[in-house]
Structure formats: structure tokens, C-alpha cells
Amino acid sequence: MPKHTPTHGKDGRIPFRERLTCSIADAEAASGVSRSQLYLEMKNGRLEFIKRGTRRLVVVPSLLKMLGT
């Protein structure tokens, strides 16, 4: 059993800050940073991501760090 079990919100989803990764669309909505700026930050190494097939997933702690929160 994991040390930390995420608590789910009213909608059954894991709260954003507790997620390990998120989609580009979720990162855009949560941060207010444009999709093109997110891709630029990934390209320049300031925003961590992982690729699964053709999909990119933003590492949430990296996004929060980039935003200074």
C-alpha cells in the first residue's frame, strides 16, 4: 500500500496539486499559460514532461515550480 493515498474531490478526481502528471490542456487551464508557451517551456527544459506514445504529460510539480507556487 502506498504511503500517501490522494484524497479525491467532490467530482471524484485527484486535486490538481496532488497529481503526478496532467495533460497539456489541463496544464493550460490550471496555469493560464498558453499551449504554445507550455510547449516552448518544455522545449527549453524549464518544464518537465514525459511522453507516452504520441502523448505528452506535464509533470505537475515542475509546472507548479515554473509558476512559483
C-alpha atoms as a PDB file:
ATOM      1  CA  MET A   1       0.000   0.000   0.000  1.00  0.00           C
ATOM      2  CA  PRO A   2       1.354   3.468  -0.886  1.00  0.00           C
ATOM      3  CA  LYS A   3       2.436   5.828   1.891  1.00  0.00           C
ATOM      4  CA  HIS A   4       0.111   8.567   0.679  1.00  0.00           C
ATOM      5  CA  THR A   5      -3.317   7.947  -0.734  1.00  0.00           C
ATOM      6  CA  PRO A   6      -4.605  11.004  -2.630  1.00  0.00           C
ATOM      7  CA  THR A   7      -7.890  12.399  -1.447  1.00  0.00           C
ATOM      8  CA  HIS A   8     -10.446  12.790  -4.185  1.00  0.00           C
ATOM      9  CA  GLY A   9     -12.566  15.883  -4.639  1.00  0.00           C
ATOM     10  CA  LYS A  10     -16.334  16.049  -4.958  1.00  0.00           C
ATOM     11  CA  ASP A  11     -16.101  15.123  -8.632  1.00  0.00           C
ATOM     12  CA  GLY A  12     -14.010  12.026  -7.841  1.00  0.00           C
ATOM     13  CA  ARG A  13     -10.846  13.486  -9.393  1.00  0.00           C
ATOM     14  CA  ILE A  14      -7.498  13.846  -7.656  1.00  0.00           C
ATOM     15  CA  PRO A  15      -6.902  17.515  -6.742  1.00  0.00           C
ATOM     16  CA  PHE A  16      -4.546  19.169  -9.226  1.00  0.00           C
ATOM     17  CA  ARG A  17      -1.668  19.762  -6.778  1.00  0.00           C
ATOM     18  CA  GLU A  18      -1.685  16.072  -5.806  1.00  0.00           C
ATOM     19  CA  ARG A  19      -1.430  14.741  -9.368  1.00  0.00           C
ATOM     20  CA  LEU A  20       1.860  13.436 -10.696  1.00  0.00           C
ATOM     21  CA  THR A  21       1.130  14.446 -14.298  1.00  0.00           C
ATOM     22  CA  CYS A  22      -1.538  16.187 -16.319  1.00  0.00           C
ATOM     23  CA  SER A  23      -2.434  16.736 -19.949  1.00  0.00           C
ATOM     24  CA  ILE A  24      -1.346  19.833 -21.843  1.00  0.00           C
ATOM     25  CA  ALA A  25      -4.977  21.007 -21.819  1.00  0.00           C
ATOM     26  CA  ASP A  26      -5.205  20.602 -18.024  1.00  0.00           C
ATOM     27  CA  ALA A  27      -1.879  22.439 -17.564  1.00  0.00           C
ATOM     28  CA  GLU A  28      -3.135  25.264 -19.766  1.00  0.00           C
ATOM     29  CA  ALA A  29      -6.415  25.548 -17.842  1.00  0.00           C
ATOM     30  CA  ALA A  30      -4.800  25.335 -14.400  1.00  0.00           C
ATOM     31  CA  SER A  31      -1.974  27.777 -15.086  1.00  0.00           C
ATOM     32  CA  GLY A  32      -3.399  30.297 -17.516  1.00  0.00           C
ATOM     33  CA  VAL A  33      -0.284  29.778 -19.657  1.00  0.00           C
ATOM     34  CA  SER A  34      -0.970  29.313 -23.369  1.00  0.00           C
ATOM     35  CA  ARG A  35      -0.473  25.955 -25.055  1.00  0.00           C
ATOM     36  CA  SER A  36       2.281  27.353 -27.281  1.00  0.00           C
ATOM     37  CA  GLN A  37       4.108  28.820 -24.258  1.00  0.00           C
ATOM     38  CA  LEU A  38       3.894  25.455 -22.458  1.00  0.00           C
ATOM     39  CA  TYR A  39       5.479  23.734 -25.469  1.00  0.00           C
ATOM     40  CA  LEU A  40       8.201  26.408 -25.566  1.00  0.00           C
ATOM     41  CA  GLU A  41       8.916  25.892 -21.855  1.00  0.00           C
ATOM     42  CA  MET A  42       9.169  22.125 -22.470  1.00  0.00           C
ATOM     43  CA  LYS A  43      11.489  22.641 -25.438  1.00  0.00           C
ATOM     44  CA  ASN A  44      13.757  24.916 -23.390  1.00  0.00           C
ATOM     45  CA  GLY A  45      13.886  22.425 -20.496  1.00  0.00           C
ATOM     46  CA  ARG A  46      12.079  24.633 -17.983  1.00  0.00           C
ATOM     47  CA  LEU A  47       9.028  22.377 -17.814  1.00  0.00           C
ATOM     48  CA  GLU A  48       9.362  18.634 -17.309  1.00  0.00           C
ATOM     49  CA  PHE A  49       7.199  16.210 -19.228  1.00  0.00           C
ATOM     50  CA  ILE A  50       7.011  12.559 -20.130  1.00  0.00           C
ATOM     51  CA  LYS A  51       5.965  11.030 -23.435  1.00  0.00           C
ATOM     52  CA  ARG A  52       3.719   8.018 -23.695  1.00  0.00           C
ATOM     53  CA  GLY A  53       3.424   7.185 -27.361  1.00  0.00           C
ATOM     54  CA  THR A  54       2.439  10.429 -29.044  1.00  0.00           C
ATOM     55  CA  ARG A  55       1.008  11.948 -25.862  1.00  0.00           C
ATOM     56  CA  ARG A  56       2.906  14.417 -23.666  1.00  0.00           C
ATOM     57  CA  LEU A  57       2.121  14.606 -19.980  1.00  0.00           C
ATOM     58  CA  VAL A  58       3.276  17.596 -17.952  1.00  0.00           C
ATOM     59  CA  VAL A  59       4.891  16.791 -14.596  1.00  0.00           C
ATOM     60  CA  VAL A  60       2.684  18.760 -12.181  1.00  0.00           C
ATOM     61  CA  PRO A  61       5.378  19.595  -9.577  1.00  0.00           C
ATOM     62  CA  SER A  62       7.505  21.010 -12.420  1.00  0.00           C
ATOM     63  CA  LEU A  63       4.585  23.168 -13.604  1.00  0.00           C
ATOM     64  CA  LEU A  64       3.984  24.450 -10.071  1.00  0.00           C
ATOM     65  CA  LYS A  65       7.699  25.232  -9.704  1.00  0.00           C
ATOM     66  CA  MET A  66       7.704  27.092 -13.021  1.00  0.00           C
ATOM     67  CA  LEU A  67       4.742  29.155 -11.814  1.00  0.00           C
ATOM     68  CA  GLY A  68       6.413  29.861  -8.480  1.00  0.00           C
ATOM     69  CA  THR A  69       3.692  28.245  -6.384  1.00  0.00           C
END
